[in-house]
Amino acid sequence: MFLEKPKTVKIRKAVTSRVITQEDIRNVLTRIKSAEAAGEIPRERSQQYTAFIIFGAYTGQRSTATTSRLTVGQFREALGNYKPVLLVNPDQHKIRMAHFVPLHGCVMKVVRPLLAGRKDAELIFKHGSLSRWLDRQRIPMSRFKGHFVLGDLRKFAEQHGDVIGWDQSNRAYILTHGVSGVDWSHYKHPLPEHVYDIYMRYWGDVTLK
């Protein structure tokens, strides 16, 4: 009873080895452009794929749970605002949280061509087509052995946010990380123009294309 009990060995949590860089995102965009030039995919599909990649990288929205469910009308309404922010509805989100997503100038540029002649209720992105194309391409990554998947877009937004010193509260709101506490459910309710201003303070000079 007087002997010292053996100390519990603490297991060190590993830091993710899946590091996504700007170079990786640009490489994916280059591959899409090359596929169009080679006649492997039509221009319409190239525009679709490019817009999905750029939107995901700049906003960090979940590819399947959110981005794949966004409509033409939502983007059309967002682009009509002086400070463009897209409203994600509860049924388009994993934890049913409605939130505003600022649209960077690079996002607006690639999304506008997708709106012409389409109805508001249509889904703006062809998620399944892009996912299958990426599976076939197996685009290699620069910092680890593996190939690009759509989930890497969200990882890039989070990781590059550290590089540019992205405001934690603004980041948590847009990416909906750690927003299940009392602060977010009862007190915080950021206005769209403020979400946009803070976001652009950090992401405004980031160019991926």
N, C-alpha and C. Protein backbone atom coordinates (compact mmCIF):
# COMPACT_ATOMS: atom_id res chain seq x y z
N MET A 1 0.82 -1.22 0.00
CA MET A 1 0.00 0.00 0.00
C MET A 1 0.85 1.26 0.00
N PHE A 2 2.16 1.11 0.43
CA PHE A 2 3.02 2.30 0.47
C PHE A 2 3.86 2.47 -0.80
N LEU A 3 3.73 1.53 -1.68
CA LEU A 3 4.50 1.64 -2.92
C LEU A 3 3.86 2.65 -3.87
N GLU A 4 4.73 3.35 -4.57
CA GLU A 4 4.23 4.34 -5.52
C GLU A 4 3.62 3.63 -6.72
N LYS A 5 2.41 4.04 -7.07
CA LYS A 5 1.72 3.43 -8.18
C LYS A 5 2.40 3.82 -9.50
N PRO A 6 2.48 2.89 -10.42
CA PRO A 6 3.08 3.23 -11.72
C PRO A 6 2.31 4.32 -12.43
N LYS A 7 3.03 5.25 -13.01
CA LYS A 7 2.39 6.37 -13.71
C LYS A 7 1.81 5.89 -15.04
N THR A 8 0.65 6.45 -15.31
CA THR A 8 -0.01 6.11 -16.58
C THR A 8 0.75 6.76 -17.73
N VAL A 9 1.05 5.96 -18.72
CA VAL A 9 1.76 6.49 -19.89
C VAL A 9 0.76 7.22 -20.78
N LYS A 10 1.01 8.50 -20.99
CA LYS A 10 0.12 9.30 -21.82
C LYS A 10 0.47 9.10 -23.29
N ILE A 11 -0.56 8.82 -24.05
CA ILE A 11 -0.36 8.62 -25.48
C ILE A 11 -0.41 9.98 -26.17
N ARG A 12 0.64 10.27 -26.90
CA ARG A 12 0.71 11.54 -27.60
C ARG A 12 -0.15 11.48 -28.86
N LYS A 13 -1.06 12.45 -29.00
CA LYS A 13 -1.91 12.49 -30.18
C LYS A 13 -1.10 12.96 -31.38
N ALA A 14 -1.27 12.25 -32.47
CA ALA A 14 -0.50 12.58 -33.66
C ALA A 14 -1.10 13.79 -34.37
N VAL A 15 -0.23 14.66 -34.88
CA VAL A 15 -0.67 15.78 -35.69
C VAL A 15 -0.95 15.23 -37.09
N THR A 16 -2.03 15.68 -37.72
CA THR A 16 -2.37 15.14 -39.03
C THR A 16 -1.23 15.31 -40.02
N SER A 17 -0.98 14.26 -40.77
CA SER A 17 0.07 14.32 -41.78
C SER A 17 -0.49 14.79 -43.12
N ARG A 18 -1.79 14.98 -43.18
CA ARG A 18 -2.44 15.40 -44.43
C ARG A 18 -2.42 16.92 -44.51
N VAL A 19 -1.33 17.45 -44.98
CA VAL A 19 -1.15 18.90 -45.08
C VAL A 19 -1.47 19.33 -46.52
N ILE A 20 -2.40 20.27 -46.66
CA ILE A 20 -2.84 20.74 -47.97
C ILE A 20 -2.32 22.16 -48.19
N THR A 21 -1.61 22.38 -49.27
CA THR A 21 -1.01 23.68 -49.54
C THR A 21 -1.67 24.37 -50.74
N GLN A 22 -1.31 25.66 -50.91
CA GLN A 22 -1.79 26.39 -52.08
C GLN A 22 -1.32 25.70 -53.36
N GLU A 23 -0.12 25.17 -53.33
CA GLU A 23 0.42 24.47 -54.48
C GLU A 23 -0.47 23.30 -54.87
N ASP A 24 -1.00 22.58 -53.88
CA ASP A 24 -1.88 21.44 -54.16
C ASP A 24 -3.17 21.88 -54.84
N ILE A 25 -3.77 22.96 -54.33
CA ILE A 25 -5.01 23.46 -54.91
C ILE A 25 -4.77 23.94 -56.34
N ARG A 26 -3.69 24.66 -56.54
CA ARG A 26 -3.36 25.15 -57.90
C ARG A 26 -3.10 23.98 -58.84
N ASN A 27 -2.51 22.92 -58.33
CA ASN A 27 -2.23 21.75 -59.15
C ASN A 27 -3.52 21.09 -59.63
N VAL A 28 -4.51 21.02 -58.75
CA VAL A 28 -5.81 20.46 -59.12
C VAL A 28 -6.46 21.31 -60.21
N LEU A 29 -6.41 22.64 -60.03
CA LEU A 29 -7.00 23.56 -61.01
C LEU A 29 -6.29 23.45 -62.35
N THR A 30 -4.97 23.28 -62.32
CA THR A 30 -4.20 23.12 -63.55
C THR A 30 -4.58 21.82 -64.26
N ARG A 31 -4.80 20.76 -63.48
CA ARG A 31 -5.18 19.47 -64.06
C ARG A 31 -6.54 19.58 -64.75
N ILE A 32 -7.46 20.31 -64.15
CA ILE A 32 -8.78 20.51 -64.75
C ILE A 32 -8.64 21.27 -66.08
N LYS A 33 -7.84 22.32 -66.06
CA LYS A 33 -7.63 23.12 -67.27
C LYS A 33 -6.98 22.29 -68.38
N SER A 34 -6.02 21.47 -68.00
CA SER A 34 -5.33 20.61 -68.98
C SER A 34 -6.27 19.58 -69.58
N ALA A 35 -7.16 19.04 -68.74
CA ALA A 35 -8.13 18.05 -69.21
C ALA A 35 -9.08 18.67 -70.23
N GLU A 36 -9.46 19.92 -70.01
CA GLU A 36 -10.31 20.62 -70.97
C GLU A 36 -9.55 20.85 -72.28
N ALA A 37 -8.31 21.32 -72.18
CA ALA A 37 -7.50 21.60 -73.37
C ALA A 37 -7.26 20.35 -74.20
N ALA A 38 -7.17 19.21 -73.52
CA ALA A 38 -6.92 17.94 -74.22
C ALA A 38 -8.20 17.31 -74.76
N GLY A 39 -9.34 17.94 -74.49
CA GLY A 39 -10.61 17.42 -74.96
C GLY A 39 -11.16 16.28 -74.12
N GLU A 40 -10.59 16.09 -72.92
CA GLU A 40 -11.05 15.00 -72.05
C GLU A 40 -12.37 15.34 -71.36
N ILE A 41 -12.56 16.62 -71.08
CA ILE A 41 -13.82 17.09 -70.50
C ILE A 41 -14.26 18.34 -71.24
N PRO A 42 -15.58 18.56 -71.41
CA PRO A 42 -16.06 19.76 -72.11
C PRO A 42 -15.88 21.01 -71.26
N ARG A 43 -16.00 22.17 -71.88
CA ARG A 43 -15.80 23.43 -71.17
C ARG A 43 -16.79 23.60 -70.02
N GLU A 44 -18.03 23.21 -70.24
CA GLU A 44 -19.06 23.36 -69.19
C GLU A 44 -18.67 22.59 -67.94
N ARG A 45 -18.15 21.38 -68.12
CA ARG A 45 -17.74 20.57 -66.98
C ARG A 45 -16.48 21.15 -66.32
N SER A 46 -15.58 21.66 -67.13
CA SER A 46 -14.37 22.30 -66.61
C SER A 46 -14.72 23.49 -65.72
N GLN A 47 -15.69 24.29 -66.15
CA GLN A 47 -16.14 25.44 -65.36
C GLN A 47 -16.75 24.98 -64.05
N GLN A 48 -17.54 23.91 -64.12
CA GLN A 48 -18.17 23.34 -62.93
C GLN A 48 -17.11 22.89 -61.92
N TYR A 49 -16.16 22.11 -62.39
CA TYR A 49 -15.14 21.57 -61.51
C TYR A 49 -14.29 22.67 -60.89
N THR A 50 -13.90 23.64 -61.71
CA THR A 50 -13.08 24.76 -61.23
C THR A 50 -13.81 25.55 -60.16
N ALA A 51 -15.08 25.85 -60.39
CA ALA A 51 -15.87 26.63 -59.43
C ALA A 51 -16.02 25.88 -58.11
N PHE A 52 -16.24 24.58 -58.18
CA PHE A 52 -16.39 23.78 -56.95
C PHE A 52 -15.10 23.82 -56.13
N ILE A 53 -13.95 23.61 -56.80
CA ILE A 53 -12.67 23.59 -56.10
C ILE A 53 -12.37 24.95 -55.46
N ILE A 54 -12.58 26.02 -56.21
CA ILE A 54 -12.28 27.35 -55.68
C ILE A 54 -13.23 27.72 -54.55
N PHE A 55 -14.51 27.43 -54.71
CA PHE A 55 -15.46 27.73 -53.63
C PHE A 55 -15.10 26.96 -52.36
N GLY A 56 -14.79 25.68 -52.50
CA GLY A 56 -14.45 24.86 -51.35
C GLY A 56 -13.19 25.31 -50.66
N ALA A 57 -12.17 25.68 -51.45
CA ALA A 57 -10.89 26.09 -50.87
C ALA A 57 -11.00 27.41 -50.12
N TYR A 58 -11.78 28.34 -50.65
CA TYR A 58 -11.91 29.66 -50.02
C TYR A 58 -12.87 29.67 -48.84
N THR A 59 -13.83 28.76 -48.83
CA THR A 59 -14.85 28.81 -47.78
C THR A 59 -14.78 27.68 -46.77
N GLY A 60 -14.18 26.54 -47.15
CA GLY A 60 -14.07 25.43 -46.22
C GLY A 60 -15.39 24.73 -45.90
N GLN A 61 -16.39 24.89 -46.75
CA GLN A 61 -17.67 24.22 -46.51
C GLN A 61 -17.55 22.73 -46.81
N ARG A 62 -18.31 21.92 -46.10
CA ARG A 62 -18.28 20.47 -46.32
C ARG A 62 -18.77 20.15 -47.72
N SER A 63 -17.99 19.38 -48.45
CA SER A 63 -18.29 19.12 -49.86
C SER A 63 -19.61 18.40 -50.07
N THR A 64 -19.84 17.34 -49.30
CA THR A 64 -21.06 16.55 -49.49
C THR A 64 -22.25 17.12 -48.73
N ALA A 65 -22.04 17.46 -47.47
CA ALA A 65 -23.16 17.89 -46.63
C ALA A 65 -23.67 19.29 -46.98
N THR A 66 -22.79 20.13 -47.53
CA THR A 66 -23.20 21.52 -47.80
C THR A 66 -23.05 21.92 -49.27
N THR A 67 -21.82 21.93 -49.78
CA THR A 67 -21.58 22.47 -51.12
C THR A 67 -22.42 21.77 -52.19
N SER A 68 -22.56 20.46 -52.08
CA SER A 68 -23.32 19.71 -53.09
C SER A 68 -24.81 20.04 -53.06
N ARG A 69 -25.29 20.71 -52.00
CA ARG A 69 -26.71 21.00 -51.86
C ARG A 69 -27.06 22.45 -52.15
N LEU A 70 -26.08 23.26 -52.46
CA LEU A 70 -26.33 24.68 -52.71
C LEU A 70 -27.01 24.88 -54.06
N THR A 71 -27.87 25.90 -54.13
CA THR A 71 -28.65 26.12 -55.35
C THR A 71 -28.20 27.35 -56.12
N VAL A 72 -28.63 27.39 -57.36
CA VAL A 72 -28.35 28.54 -58.22
C VAL A 72 -28.93 29.81 -57.60
N GLY A 73 -30.15 29.71 -57.07
CA GLY A 73 -30.81 30.87 -56.48
C GLY A 73 -30.05 31.46 -55.29
N GLN A 74 -29.45 30.61 -54.49
CA GLN A 74 -28.69 31.10 -53.34
C GLN A 74 -27.49 31.94 -53.78
N PHE A 75 -26.80 31.47 -54.81
CA PHE A 75 -25.66 32.23 -55.33
C PHE A 75 -26.11 33.49 -56.05
N ARG A 76 -27.22 33.41 -56.76
CA ARG A 76 -27.73 34.57 -57.48
C ARG A 76 -28.09 35.68 -56.48
N GLU A 77 -28.70 35.29 -55.39
CA GLU A 77 -29.06 36.27 -54.36
C GLU A 77 -27.81 36.84 -53.70
N ALA A 78 -26.84 35.98 -53.40
CA ALA A 78 -25.61 36.44 -52.74
C ALA A 78 -24.84 37.42 -53.61
N LEU A 79 -24.74 37.12 -54.90
CA LEU A 79 -23.99 37.97 -55.82
C LEU A 79 -24.68 39.31 -56.06
N GLY A 80 -25.94 39.40 -55.67
CA GLY A 80 -26.66 40.66 -55.83
C GLY A 80 -26.41 41.63 -54.69
N ASN A 81 -25.71 41.19 -53.65
CA ASN A 81 -25.42 42.04 -52.50
C ASN A 81 -24.12 42.81 -52.69
N TYR A 82 -24.05 44.00 -52.09
CA TYR A 82 -22.83 44.81 -52.15
C TYR A 82 -21.68 44.07 -51.50
N LYS A 83 -21.96 43.46 -50.36
CA LYS A 83 -20.99 42.59 -49.70
C LYS A 83 -21.54 41.17 -49.82
N PRO A 84 -21.08 40.43 -50.82
CA PRO A 84 -21.69 39.13 -51.14
C PRO A 84 -21.45 38.04 -50.09
N VAL A 85 -22.52 37.62 -49.47
CA VAL A 85 -22.46 36.49 -48.53
C VAL A 85 -23.59 35.53 -48.88
N LEU A 86 -23.28 34.26 -48.87
CA LEU A 86 -24.28 33.23 -49.18
C LEU A 86 -24.84 32.68 -47.88
N LEU A 87 -26.15 32.56 -47.81
CA LEU A 87 -26.80 32.00 -46.62
C LEU A 87 -26.99 30.51 -46.80
N VAL A 88 -26.31 29.73 -45.95
CA VAL A 88 -26.48 28.27 -45.95
C VAL A 88 -27.67 27.94 -45.05
N ASN A 89 -28.62 27.20 -45.58
CA ASN A 89 -29.82 26.85 -44.82
C ASN A 89 -29.57 25.66 -43.88
N PRO A 90 -30.36 25.53 -42.82
CA PRO A 90 -30.16 24.43 -41.86
C PRO A 90 -30.16 23.04 -42.52
N ASP A 91 -31.02 22.84 -43.53
CA ASP A 91 -31.08 21.52 -44.16
C ASP A 91 -29.92 21.26 -45.13
N GLN A 92 -29.02 22.23 -45.24
CA GLN A 92 -27.84 22.08 -46.08
C GLN A 92 -26.58 21.97 -45.23
N HIS A 93 -26.78 21.63 -43.97
CA HIS A 93 -25.64 21.64 -43.05
C HIS A 93 -25.67 20.44 -42.11
N LYS A 94 -24.50 19.94 -41.79
CA LYS A 94 -24.35 18.72 -40.98
C LYS A 94 -25.01 18.85 -39.62
N ILE A 95 -24.80 20.00 -38.94
CA ILE A 95 -25.37 20.18 -37.60
C ILE A 95 -26.59 21.10 -37.61
N ARG A 96 -27.18 21.27 -38.80
CA ARG A 96 -28.40 22.06 -38.95
C ARG A 96 -28.22 23.51 -38.50
N MET A 97 -27.07 24.09 -38.79
CA MET A 97 -26.80 25.47 -38.39
C MET A 97 -26.81 26.38 -39.61
N ALA A 98 -27.78 27.29 -39.67
CA ALA A 98 -27.78 28.28 -40.74
C ALA A 98 -26.64 29.27 -40.48
N HIS A 99 -25.92 29.63 -41.53
CA HIS A 99 -24.81 30.57 -41.35
C HIS A 99 -24.47 31.25 -42.67
N PHE A 100 -23.80 32.39 -42.56
CA PHE A 100 -23.41 33.14 -43.73
C PHE A 100 -22.00 32.75 -44.17
N VAL A 101 -21.81 32.68 -45.49
CA VAL A 101 -20.50 32.35 -46.05
C VAL A 101 -20.08 33.46 -47.01
N PRO A 102 -19.03 34.21 -46.69
CA PRO A 102 -18.58 35.29 -47.58
C PRO A 102 -18.05 34.72 -48.89
N LEU A 103 -18.26 35.46 -49.97
CA LEU A 103 -17.79 35.02 -51.28
C LEU A 103 -16.63 35.91 -51.74
N HIS A 104 -15.46 35.34 -51.77
CA HIS A 104 -14.26 36.02 -52.24
C HIS A 104 -14.43 36.41 -53.72
N GLY A 105 -13.72 37.43 -54.16
CA GLY A 105 -13.81 37.85 -55.55
C GLY A 105 -13.49 36.74 -56.53
N CYS A 106 -12.53 35.89 -56.18
CA CYS A 106 -12.17 34.75 -57.04
C CYS A 106 -13.31 33.75 -57.15
N VAL A 107 -14.07 33.61 -56.07
CA VAL A 107 -15.23 32.71 -56.09
C VAL A 107 -16.31 33.28 -56.99
N MET A 108 -16.58 34.56 -56.85
CA MET A 108 -17.62 35.20 -57.66
C MET A 108 -17.30 35.08 -59.15
N LYS A 109 -16.04 35.24 -59.50
CA LYS A 109 -15.63 35.20 -60.90
C LYS A 109 -15.92 33.85 -61.55
N VAL A 110 -15.69 32.76 -60.83
CA VAL A 110 -15.89 31.43 -61.41
C VAL A 110 -17.33 30.92 -61.27
N VAL A 111 -18.09 31.52 -60.36
CA VAL A 111 -19.46 31.07 -60.15
C VAL A 111 -20.43 31.73 -61.13
N ARG A 112 -20.17 32.99 -61.48
CA ARG A 112 -21.10 33.72 -62.35
C ARG A 112 -21.46 32.97 -63.63
N PRO A 113 -20.49 32.37 -64.33
CA PRO A 113 -20.84 31.65 -65.57
C PRO A 113 -21.79 30.47 -65.35
N LEU A 114 -21.88 29.98 -64.13
CA LEU A 114 -22.74 28.82 -63.84
C LEU A 114 -24.20 29.21 -63.65
N LEU A 115 -24.48 30.50 -63.58
CA LEU A 115 -25.84 30.96 -63.30
C LEU A 115 -26.68 31.18 -64.55
N ALA A 116 -26.03 31.49 -65.66
CA ALA A 116 -26.74 31.88 -66.88
C ALA A 116 -27.71 30.81 -67.36
N GLY A 117 -28.97 31.23 -67.55
CA GLY A 117 -29.98 30.36 -68.12
C GLY A 117 -30.45 29.23 -67.23
N ARG A 118 -30.15 29.29 -65.95
CA ARG A 118 -30.54 28.20 -65.06
C ARG A 118 -31.58 28.67 -64.05
N LYS A 119 -32.42 27.75 -63.59
CA LYS A 119 -33.47 28.07 -62.63
C LYS A 119 -32.92 28.12 -61.22
N ASP A 120 -33.54 28.94 -60.39
CA ASP A 120 -33.07 29.14 -59.02
C ASP A 120 -33.03 27.84 -58.21
N ALA A 121 -33.95 26.94 -58.46
CA ALA A 121 -34.05 25.72 -57.65
C ALA A 121 -33.00 24.67 -58.02
N GLU A 122 -32.30 24.85 -59.13
CA GLU A 122 -31.30 23.87 -59.55
C GLU A 122 -30.10 23.84 -58.62
N LEU A 123 -29.53 22.67 -58.41
CA LEU A 123 -28.27 22.56 -57.69
C LEU A 123 -27.18 23.15 -58.57
N ILE A 124 -26.36 24.02 -58.01
CA ILE A 124 -25.38 24.73 -58.83
C ILE A 124 -24.20 23.86 -59.24
N PHE A 125 -23.78 22.93 -58.38
CA PHE A 125 -22.59 22.12 -58.65
C PHE A 125 -22.95 20.67 -58.98
N LYS A 126 -22.13 20.06 -59.82
CA LYS A 126 -22.26 18.64 -60.14
C LYS A 126 -21.25 17.85 -59.29
N HIS A 127 -21.60 17.66 -58.04
CA HIS A 127 -20.69 17.06 -57.07
C HIS A 127 -20.28 15.63 -57.45
N GLY A 128 -21.24 14.82 -57.82
CA GLY A 128 -20.95 13.42 -58.14
C GLY A 128 -20.00 13.28 -59.31
N SER A 129 -20.20 14.08 -60.33
CA SER A 129 -19.35 14.03 -61.52
C SER A 129 -17.91 14.39 -61.17
N LEU A 130 -17.72 15.44 -60.40
CA LEU A 130 -16.37 15.85 -60.00
C LEU A 130 -15.71 14.80 -59.13
N SER A 131 -16.45 14.24 -58.19
CA SER A 131 -15.90 13.23 -57.29
C SER A 131 -15.40 12.01 -58.06
N ARG A 132 -16.18 11.57 -59.04
CA ARG A 132 -15.79 10.41 -59.84
C ARG A 132 -14.56 10.73 -60.71
N TRP A 133 -14.53 11.94 -61.26
CA TRP A 133 -13.40 12.35 -62.09
C TRP A 133 -12.11 12.38 -61.27
N LEU A 134 -12.18 12.92 -60.07
CA LEU A 134 -11.00 12.98 -59.20
C LEU A 134 -10.52 11.58 -58.81
N ASP A 135 -11.46 10.66 -58.59
CA ASP A 135 -11.08 9.28 -58.26
C ASP A 135 -10.25 8.66 -59.38
N ARG A 136 -10.60 9.00 -60.61
CA ARG A 136 -9.87 8.45 -61.75
C ARG A 136 -8.51 9.15 -61.95
N GLN A 137 -8.44 10.42 -61.63
CA GLN A 137 -7.22 11.20 -61.86
C GLN A 137 -6.13 10.90 -60.84
N ARG A 138 -6.51 10.68 -59.59
CA ARG A 138 -5.56 10.41 -58.52
C ARG A 138 -4.41 11.45 -58.53
N ILE A 139 -4.79 12.71 -58.34
CA ILE A 139 -3.84 13.82 -58.40
C ILE A 139 -2.95 13.79 -57.15
N PRO A 140 -1.63 13.65 -57.30
CA PRO A 140 -0.73 13.52 -56.15
C PRO A 140 -0.62 14.82 -55.35
N MET A 141 -0.33 14.67 -54.05
CA MET A 141 -0.18 15.81 -53.16
C MET A 141 1.31 16.10 -52.93
N SER A 142 1.60 17.32 -52.51
CA SER A 142 3.01 17.74 -52.41
C SER A 142 3.67 17.40 -51.07
N ARG A 143 2.91 17.27 -50.00
CA ARG A 143 3.49 17.10 -48.67
C ARG A 143 3.27 15.73 -48.05
N PHE A 144 2.61 14.84 -48.74
CA PHE A 144 2.42 13.49 -48.21
C PHE A 144 2.08 12.56 -49.37
N LYS A 145 2.24 11.27 -49.14
CA LYS A 145 1.93 10.29 -50.17
C LYS A 145 0.42 10.05 -50.18
N GLY A 146 -0.18 10.36 -51.25
CA GLY A 146 -1.62 10.21 -51.37
C GLY A 146 -2.11 11.08 -52.51
N HIS A 147 -3.43 11.01 -52.77
CA HIS A 147 -3.99 11.82 -53.85
C HIS A 147 -5.10 12.71 -53.31
N PHE A 148 -5.42 13.73 -54.08
CA PHE A 148 -6.40 14.74 -53.68
C PHE A 148 -7.81 14.16 -53.63
N VAL A 149 -8.54 14.52 -52.56
CA VAL A 149 -9.96 14.19 -52.44
C VAL A 149 -10.70 15.47 -52.06
N LEU A 150 -11.99 15.50 -52.28
CA LEU A 150 -12.75 16.73 -52.04
C LEU A 150 -12.69 17.20 -50.58
N GLY A 151 -12.55 16.26 -49.65
CA GLY A 151 -12.45 16.64 -48.24
C GLY A 151 -11.22 17.49 -47.94
N ASP A 152 -10.24 17.47 -48.84
CA ASP A 152 -9.02 18.27 -48.64
C ASP A 152 -9.29 19.76 -48.77
N LEU A 153 -10.37 20.14 -49.41
CA LEU A 153 -10.69 21.56 -49.55
C LEU A 153 -10.97 22.19 -48.19
N ARG A 154 -11.71 21.48 -47.36
CA ARG A 154 -12.02 21.99 -46.02
C ARG A 154 -10.74 22.03 -45.17
N LYS A 155 -9.92 21.01 -45.31
CA LYS A 155 -8.65 20.99 -44.58
C LYS A 155 -7.77 22.15 -44.99
N PHE A 156 -7.76 22.45 -46.29
CA PHE A 156 -6.95 23.57 -46.76
C PHE A 156 -7.40 24.89 -46.13
N ALA A 157 -8.71 25.14 -46.12
CA ALA A 157 -9.22 26.39 -45.55
C ALA A 157 -8.82 26.51 -44.08
N GLU A 158 -8.91 25.43 -43.35
CA GLU A 158 -8.54 25.43 -41.93
C GLU A 158 -7.04 25.64 -41.77
N GLN A 159 -6.25 24.91 -42.50
CA GLN A 159 -4.79 24.97 -42.35
C GLN A 159 -4.22 26.29 -42.88
N HIS A 160 -4.73 26.77 -44.01
CA HIS A 160 -4.24 28.05 -44.52
C HIS A 160 -4.72 29.20 -43.64
N GLY A 161 -5.82 28.98 -42.94
CA GLY A 161 -6.28 29.97 -41.98
C GLY A 161 -5.24 30.23 -40.90
N ASP A 162 -4.53 29.16 -40.50
CA ASP A 162 -3.44 29.32 -39.53
C ASP A 162 -2.30 30.14 -40.12
N VAL A 163 -2.02 29.91 -41.39
CA VAL A 163 -0.92 30.61 -42.06
C VAL A 163 -1.17 32.11 -42.12
N ILE A 164 -2.40 32.50 -42.41
CA ILE A 164 -2.73 33.92 -42.55
C ILE A 164 -3.25 34.54 -41.26
N GLY A 165 -3.30 33.76 -40.19
CA GLY A 165 -3.74 34.29 -38.89
C GLY A 165 -5.21 34.62 -38.84
N TRP A 166 -6.05 33.85 -39.52
CA TRP A 166 -7.49 34.07 -39.59
C TRP A 166 -8.12 34.16 -38.21
N ASP A 167 -8.91 35.18 -37.99
CA ASP A 167 -9.61 35.40 -36.72
C ASP A 167 -10.38 34.15 -36.30
N GLN A 168 -10.18 33.72 -35.06
CA GLN A 168 -10.74 32.45 -34.60
C GLN A 168 -12.26 32.43 -34.56
N SER A 169 -12.87 33.52 -34.11
CA SER A 169 -14.32 33.56 -34.02
C SER A 169 -14.95 33.54 -35.41
N ASN A 170 -14.40 34.31 -36.31
CA ASN A 170 -14.89 34.36 -37.69
C ASN A 170 -14.71 33.00 -38.36
N ARG A 171 -13.57 32.38 -38.11
CA ARG A 171 -13.28 31.06 -38.68
C ARG A 171 -14.25 30.02 -38.14
N ALA A 172 -14.47 30.02 -36.83
CA ALA A 172 -15.36 29.05 -36.21
C ALA A 172 -16.77 29.17 -36.77
N TYR A 173 -17.22 30.40 -37.00
CA TYR A 173 -18.56 30.62 -37.51
C TYR A 173 -18.70 30.12 -38.95
N ILE A 174 -17.77 30.50 -39.82
CA ILE A 174 -17.87 30.13 -41.23
C ILE A 174 -17.67 28.63 -41.44
N LEU A 175 -16.70 28.05 -40.72
CA LEU A 175 -16.45 26.61 -40.84
C LEU A 175 -17.34 25.78 -39.93
N THR A 176 -18.07 26.45 -39.04
CA THR A 176 -18.93 25.82 -38.03
C THR A 176 -18.16 24.78 -37.22
N HIS A 177 -17.03 25.19 -36.71
CA HIS A 177 -16.22 24.37 -35.81
C HIS A 177 -16.42 24.84 -34.37
N GLY A 178 -16.80 23.94 -33.48
CA GLY A 178 -16.94 24.31 -32.07
C GLY A 178 -18.02 25.35 -31.82
N VAL A 179 -19.15 25.24 -32.52
CA VAL A 179 -20.21 26.24 -32.37
C VAL A 179 -21.45 25.67 -31.66
N SER A 180 -21.25 24.60 -30.91
CA SER A 180 -22.39 23.97 -30.24
C SER A 180 -22.55 24.44 -28.81
N GLY A 181 -21.66 25.32 -28.33
CA GLY A 181 -21.72 25.78 -26.95
C GLY A 181 -22.77 26.85 -26.71
N VAL A 182 -22.90 27.27 -25.45
CA VAL A 182 -23.90 28.27 -25.05
C VAL A 182 -23.66 29.61 -25.74
N ASP A 183 -22.39 30.01 -25.89
CA ASP A 183 -22.08 31.29 -26.53
C ASP A 183 -22.73 31.40 -27.90
N TRP A 184 -22.59 30.34 -28.68
CA TRP A 184 -23.10 30.39 -30.04
C TRP A 184 -24.61 30.18 -30.10
N SER A 185 -25.16 29.38 -29.22
CA SER A 185 -26.59 29.08 -29.28
C SER A 185 -27.46 30.17 -28.66
N HIS A 186 -26.87 31.00 -27.76
CA HIS A 186 -27.68 31.98 -27.06
C HIS A 186 -27.22 33.44 -27.20
N TYR A 187 -25.97 33.66 -27.55
CA TYR A 187 -25.47 35.03 -27.53
C TYR A 187 -24.94 35.53 -28.87
N LYS A 188 -24.12 34.75 -29.53
CA LYS A 188 -23.49 35.24 -30.75
C LYS A 188 -24.44 35.11 -31.94
N HIS A 189 -24.50 36.18 -32.71
CA HIS A 189 -25.30 36.17 -33.93
C HIS A 189 -24.72 37.22 -34.88
N PRO A 190 -23.60 36.89 -35.54
CA PRO A 190 -22.92 37.87 -36.39
C PRO A 190 -23.75 38.30 -37.59
N LEU A 191 -23.66 39.57 -37.93
CA LEU A 191 -24.36 40.10 -39.08
C LEU A 191 -23.56 39.79 -40.35
N PRO A 192 -24.24 39.60 -41.48
CA PRO A 192 -23.55 39.19 -42.71
C PRO A 192 -22.45 40.15 -43.15
N GLU A 193 -22.70 41.45 -43.02
CA GLU A 193 -21.69 42.40 -43.46
C GLU A 193 -20.44 42.35 -42.59
N HIS A 194 -20.62 42.03 -41.30
CA HIS A 194 -19.47 41.92 -40.41
C HIS A 194 -18.70 40.63 -40.69
N VAL A 195 -19.43 39.56 -40.96
CA VAL A 195 -18.79 38.30 -41.31
C VAL A 195 -17.92 38.49 -42.55
N TYR A 196 -18.47 39.21 -43.53
CA TYR A 196 -17.75 39.46 -44.77
C TYR A 196 -16.51 40.32 -44.54
N ASP A 197 -16.65 41.41 -43.80
CA ASP A 197 -15.54 42.34 -43.58
C ASP A 197 -14.37 41.66 -42.88
N ILE A 198 -14.66 40.90 -41.84
CA ILE A 198 -13.59 40.24 -41.09
C ILE A 198 -12.93 39.17 -41.96
N TYR A 199 -13.73 38.40 -42.67
CA TYR A 199 -13.19 37.36 -43.54
C TYR A 199 -12.25 37.95 -44.59
N MET A 200 -12.67 39.02 -45.25
CA MET A 200 -11.88 39.61 -46.32
C MET A 200 -10.61 40.28 -45.80
N ARG A 201 -10.60 40.64 -44.55
CA ARG A 201 -9.41 41.22 -43.94
C ARG A 201 -8.26 40.22 -43.99
N TYR A 202 -8.59 38.93 -43.92
CA TYR A 202 -7.57 37.89 -43.91
C TYR A 202 -7.41 37.20 -45.27
N TRP A 203 -8.51 36.95 -45.94
CA TRP A 203 -8.49 36.17 -47.18
C TRP A 203 -8.43 37.04 -48.44
N GLY A 204 -8.63 38.33 -48.30
CA GLY A 204 -8.73 39.20 -49.46
C GLY A 204 -7.59 39.12 -50.44
N ASP A 205 -6.36 38.96 -49.95
CA ASP A 205 -5.19 38.93 -50.83
C ASP A 205 -4.76 37.53 -51.24
N VAL A 206 -5.51 36.52 -50.83
CA VAL A 206 -5.16 35.14 -51.18
C VAL A 206 -5.64 34.84 -52.61
N THR A 207 -4.70 34.42 -53.46
CA THR A 207 -5.02 34.10 -54.85
C THR A 207 -4.64 32.65 -55.15
N LEU A 208 -5.60 31.88 -55.57
CA LEU A 208 -5.37 30.46 -55.84
C LEU A 208 -5.35 30.14 -57.33
N LYS A 209 -5.75 31.07 -58.17
CA LYS A 209 -5.83 30.78 -59.60
C LYS A 209 -5.01 31.78 -60.38
